[in-house]
Amino acid sequence: MKTSGDRLRVLLRECNLTASDFAAQRKVSPQHVNNWFHRGVPMARLDEIAELLCVRSKWLRSGEGPKHHTPLPRLSRSSDQPVAELPDHSLLAAHREDDVYLPFYRAQAKIFEPIPQRHLRIPRQALDSLGVSGQQALCLCMPDYNMAPLLPFGSTVAVDRSFTRVIDGEVYAVLHNGRLRIHSLSQRPNGALRLHSHDSDEFPCETYSVSQARNQGLEIVGWVFWWSQLRQERPG
């Protein structure tokens, strides 16, 4: 990718955008976009297009430096900040008569099908502390590697189907053309939805306009409020 036009072409392909769709978004003719492919992105539009496609404008212009911004802020604590009180997870280990059994589902042909005799047992108190109704919660398996190592492939996630409002940086399960995906989400002021991966090097940020999300069946299933993973083998 020698020119900004080459990089733009690849970015549109990564975002599942055609040149015509992108031209309509930017309110220019498709010929303008084709000219950008061959002659490079105009300097006057570099920052705008880089911000839209979740890349650094320096990388789009010259190919130098990191391609992506860090998708999510990394939390850090300075030495003079007090240590926050750790949450009490002991209630997760205690078995009570009012424990809730969350069913496991698999995504199949754009719908969720229950997996017979498979469930996750969680104390009702834990769900109540998060405002999650057991009747609105279900369990799924992490379908891809994009959130590793935070969410390894195959790990169990619990989803609150009643919470579909986008809070920037939170993790959600989504259906995309019937395919289950799990990402951190953010939303632009114009309504465009961004899908972020923890492994941002291998899985770049994706941006979908409101019309693209509708046409591609991009539906937020719910908020991921719990996850767990048992290692498959001992190291070494």
Protein backbone atom coordinates (compact mmCIF):
# COMPACT_ATOMS: atom_id res chain seq x y z
CA MET A 1 0.00 0.00 0.00
CA LYS A 2 2.12 2.84 -1.32
CA THR A 3 -0.40 5.69 -1.36
CA SER A 4 -3.21 7.01 0.80
CA GLY A 5 -5.56 5.92 -1.98
CA ASP A 6 -4.35 2.33 -1.63
CA ARG A 7 -4.88 2.50 2.13
CA LEU A 8 -8.35 3.99 1.70
CA ARG A 9 -9.34 1.18 -0.66
CA VAL A 10 -8.23 -1.44 1.89
CA LEU A 11 -10.00 0.35 4.76
CA LEU A 12 -13.28 0.41 2.87
CA ARG A 13 -12.93 -3.31 2.20
CA GLU A 14 -12.27 -3.96 5.91
CA CYS A 15 -15.42 -1.99 6.81
CA ASN A 16 -17.53 -3.80 4.19
CA LEU A 17 -18.11 -0.49 2.42
CA THR A 18 -18.40 -0.13 -1.34
CA ALA A 19 -17.00 2.95 -3.03
CA SER A 20 -20.58 3.98 -3.88
CA ASP A 21 -21.74 3.61 -0.25
CA PHE A 22 -18.77 5.62 0.97
CA ALA A 23 -19.37 8.31 -1.65
CA ALA A 24 -23.01 8.61 -0.55
CA GLN A 25 -21.90 8.91 3.10
CA ARG A 26 -19.44 11.67 2.25
CA LYS A 27 -21.91 13.38 -0.12
CA VAL A 28 -19.56 13.15 -3.09
CA SER A 29 -19.82 11.31 -6.41
CA PRO A 30 -18.41 7.77 -6.81
CA GLN A 31 -15.99 9.27 -9.33
CA HIS A 32 -14.52 11.42 -6.54
CA VAL A 33 -13.80 8.29 -4.49
CA ASN A 34 -12.26 6.55 -7.51
CA ASN A 35 -10.05 9.61 -8.01
CA TRP A 36 -8.95 9.35 -4.37
CA PHE A 37 -8.04 5.70 -4.93
CA HIS A 38 -5.75 6.66 -7.83
CA ARG A 39 -4.48 10.12 -6.81
CA GLY A 40 -4.59 9.88 -3.02
CA VAL A 41 -6.93 11.30 -0.39
CA PRO A 42 -7.08 15.11 -0.53
CA MET A 43 -5.23 16.73 2.37
CA ALA A 44 -8.35 18.74 3.24
CA ARG A 45 -10.29 15.50 3.91
CA LEU A 46 -7.60 13.35 5.52
CA ASP A 47 -8.52 14.05 9.15
CA GLU A 48 -12.23 13.66 8.46
CA ILE A 49 -11.85 10.32 6.67
CA ALA A 50 -9.28 8.96 9.14
CA GLU A 51 -11.57 9.77 12.06
CA LEU A 52 -14.53 8.17 10.31
CA LEU A 53 -12.61 4.94 9.61
CA CYS A 54 -10.98 4.74 13.06
CA VAL A 55 -7.36 5.15 11.92
CA ARG A 56 -4.69 7.74 12.54
CA SER A 57 -4.53 10.47 9.92
CA LYS A 58 -0.72 10.25 9.82
CA TRP A 59 -0.95 6.57 8.90
CA LEU A 60 -3.59 7.24 6.24
CA ARG A 61 -1.48 10.03 4.74
CA SER A 62 1.96 8.37 4.76
CA GLY A 63 1.64 4.83 6.08
CA GLU A 64 3.91 5.76 8.99
CA GLY A 65 3.31 5.03 12.65
CA PRO A 66 0.50 3.01 14.27
CA LYS A 67 -2.52 2.38 12.09
CA HIS A 68 -5.16 2.44 14.82
CA HIS A 69 -5.93 4.47 17.88
CA THR A 70 -6.24 2.41 21.04
CA PRO A 71 -9.92 1.37 20.84
CA LEU A 72 -10.55 1.50 24.57
CA PRO A 73 -8.86 3.47 27.34
CA ARG A 74 -6.43 1.49 29.44
CA LEU A 75 -7.16 2.04 33.11
CA SER A 76 -4.14 2.93 35.20
CA ARG A 77 -3.63 4.04 38.77
CA SER A 78 -1.00 6.47 39.93
CA SER A 79 0.86 5.72 43.15
CA ASP A 80 -0.94 8.45 45.08
CA GLN A 81 -4.43 7.22 44.25
CA PRO A 82 -6.19 5.12 46.88
CA VAL A 83 -6.72 1.47 46.08
CA ALA A 84 -10.39 0.83 45.32
CA GLU A 85 -12.18 -1.67 47.53
CA LEU A 86 -12.31 -5.00 45.76
CA PRO A 87 -15.78 -6.34 44.92
CA ASP A 88 -17.02 -9.23 47.02
CA HIS A 89 -17.19 -12.27 44.74
CA SER A 90 -17.73 -14.72 47.57
CA LEU A 91 -21.45 -14.75 46.81
CA LEU A 92 -20.65 -16.42 43.48
CA ALA A 93 -19.25 -19.45 45.28
CA ALA A 94 -22.13 -19.96 47.68
CA HIS A 95 -25.01 -22.16 46.60
CA ARG A 96 -28.42 -21.01 47.70
CA GLU A 97 -31.91 -22.29 47.17
CA ASP A 98 -32.80 -19.24 45.10
CA ASP A 99 -29.90 -19.65 42.64
CA VAL A 100 -30.82 -18.87 39.04
CA TYR A 101 -30.03 -21.30 36.22
CA LEU A 102 -29.20 -19.35 33.06
CA PRO A 103 -29.75 -21.40 29.88
CA PHE A 104 -27.13 -21.80 27.18
CA TYR A 105 -28.02 -20.91 23.59
CA ARG A 106 -26.36 -21.17 20.20
CA ALA A 107 -26.87 -18.75 17.29
CA GLN A 108 -28.44 -20.68 14.44
CA ALA A 109 -29.93 -19.23 11.23
CA LYS A 110 -30.44 -15.74 12.72
CA ILE A 111 -32.19 -17.06 15.84
CA PHE A 112 -31.05 -18.42 19.18
CA GLU A 113 -31.67 -22.07 19.89
CA PRO A 114 -31.44 -23.49 23.44
CA ILE A 115 -28.85 -26.15 24.19
CA PRO A 116 -30.69 -28.86 26.17
CA GLN A 117 -29.56 -29.60 29.73
CA ARG A 118 -26.84 -26.96 29.74
CA HIS A 119 -26.96 -24.01 32.10
CA LEU A 120 -24.92 -21.67 34.29
CA ARG A 121 -25.81 -21.44 37.97
CA ILE A 122 -25.56 -17.91 39.40
CA PRO A 123 -26.82 -16.69 42.80
CA ARG A 124 -29.82 -14.43 42.48
CA GLN A 125 -28.06 -11.90 44.70
CA ALA A 126 -25.32 -11.53 42.08
CA LEU A 127 -27.87 -10.83 39.34
CA ASP A 128 -29.81 -8.43 41.59
CA SER A 129 -26.61 -6.48 42.29
CA LEU A 130 -26.30 -5.83 38.53
CA GLY A 131 -30.00 -5.24 37.92
CA VAL A 132 -30.19 -8.31 35.67
CA SER A 133 -33.39 -10.34 35.44
CA GLY A 134 -32.82 -14.08 35.19
CA GLN A 135 -35.66 -14.25 32.67
CA GLN A 136 -33.80 -11.86 30.36
CA ALA A 137 -30.36 -13.47 30.64
CA LEU A 138 -28.77 -16.24 28.58
CA CYS A 139 -25.34 -17.78 28.08
CA LEU A 140 -23.34 -18.04 24.86
CA CYS A 141 -19.86 -19.19 23.85
CA MET A 142 -17.33 -16.65 22.62
CA PRO A 143 -17.41 -17.26 18.84
CA ASP A 144 -14.10 -15.75 17.69
CA TYR A 145 -10.60 -14.69 18.74
CA ASN A 146 -11.13 -10.93 18.42
CA MET A 147 -11.49 -10.25 22.16
CA ALA A 148 -8.49 -12.36 23.28
CA PRO A 149 -6.94 -12.43 25.79
CA LEU A 150 -9.76 -10.65 27.64
CA LEU A 151 -12.34 -13.12 26.29
CA PRO A 152 -10.65 -16.22 24.87
CA PHE A 153 -12.30 -18.16 22.08
CA GLY A 154 -14.90 -20.55 23.48
CA SER A 155 -15.24 -18.85 26.86
CA THR A 156 -18.67 -18.63 28.44
CA VAL A 157 -20.39 -15.24 28.41
CA ALA A 158 -23.66 -14.26 30.06
CA VAL A 159 -25.79 -11.67 28.28
CA ASP A 160 -28.56 -9.39 29.56
CA ARG A 161 -30.99 -9.13 26.66
CA SER A 162 -32.87 -6.26 28.28
CA PHE A 163 -29.82 -3.94 28.05
CA THR A 164 -29.18 -2.93 24.44
CA ARG A 165 -28.39 0.76 24.94
CA VAL A 166 -24.82 1.47 23.81
CA ILE A 167 -22.47 2.57 26.57
CA ASP A 168 -19.10 3.35 25.01
CA GLY A 169 -16.52 0.71 25.89
CA GLU A 170 -18.93 -1.90 27.24
CA VAL A 171 -19.01 -5.39 25.75
CA TYR A 172 -22.10 -6.60 23.86
CA ALA A 173 -23.29 -9.59 21.91
CA VAL A 174 -24.54 -8.66 18.43
CA LEU A 175 -26.00 -10.46 15.47
CA HIS A 176 -24.54 -9.45 12.09
CA ASN A 177 -26.34 -10.99 9.13
CA GLY A 178 -27.28 -13.82 11.48
CA ARG A 179 -23.72 -14.33 12.71
CA LEU A 180 -23.01 -14.00 16.44
CA ARG A 181 -20.27 -11.50 17.27
CA ILE A 182 -19.01 -10.13 20.59
CA HIS A 183 -17.32 -6.72 20.67
CA SER A 184 -16.87 -3.58 22.67
CA LEU A 185 -19.16 -0.95 21.16
CA SER A 186 -19.19 2.80 20.78
CA GLN A 187 -21.57 5.10 18.95
CA ARG A 188 -20.92 8.27 17.00
CA PRO A 189 -23.19 11.34 17.28
CA ASN A 190 -24.63 10.55 13.82
CA GLY A 191 -25.74 7.11 15.05
CA ALA A 192 -22.97 5.12 13.35
CA LEU A 193 -22.01 2.05 15.36
CA ARG A 194 -18.39 1.06 15.94
CA LEU A 195 -17.29 -2.47 16.75
CA HIS A 196 -13.99 -2.63 18.67
CA SER A 197 -11.91 -5.73 19.35
CA HIS A 198 -9.52 -6.25 22.25
CA ASP A 199 -7.01 -7.58 19.72
CA SER A 200 -7.08 -4.42 17.62
CA ASP A 201 -3.98 -5.38 15.60
CA GLU A 202 -5.59 -8.45 14.03
CA PHE A 203 -9.19 -7.21 14.16
CA PRO A 204 -9.42 -3.50 13.24
CA CYS A 205 -12.31 -1.30 14.32
CA GLU A 206 -15.39 -1.52 12.08
CA THR A 207 -17.84 1.34 11.54
CA TYR A 208 -21.40 0.96 10.26
CA SER A 209 -23.76 3.81 9.44
CA VAL A 210 -27.39 3.57 10.51
CA SER A 211 -28.42 2.48 7.01
CA GLN A 212 -25.60 -0.07 6.78
CA ALA A 213 -26.48 -1.54 10.16
CA ARG A 214 -30.10 -1.86 9.06
CA ASN A 215 -29.27 -3.38 5.67
CA GLN A 216 -26.79 -5.84 7.17
CA GLY A 217 -29.06 -6.95 9.99
CA LEU A 218 -26.75 -5.58 12.69
CA GLU A 219 -28.71 -6.11 15.91
CA ILE A 220 -27.54 -5.67 19.50
CA VAL A 221 -28.53 -8.79 21.42
CA GLY A 222 -27.54 -7.53 24.86
CA TRP A 223 -24.89 -6.50 27.35
CA VAL A 224 -22.23 -9.03 28.38
CA PHE A 225 -22.19 -8.91 32.18
CA TRP A 226 -20.25 -12.11 33.05
CA TRP A 227 -17.61 -14.29 31.47
CA SER A 228 -15.41 -17.20 32.46
CA GLN A 229 -12.89 -19.54 30.88
CA LEU A 230 -11.41 -22.85 32.01
CA ARG A 231 -7.96 -23.47 30.51
CA GLN A 232 -7.92 -26.44 28.16
CA GLU A 233 -4.56 -27.78 29.36
CA ARG A 234 -1.71 -27.16 31.77
CA PRO A 235 1.16 -25.08 30.34
CA GLY A 236 4.34 -26.87 29.39
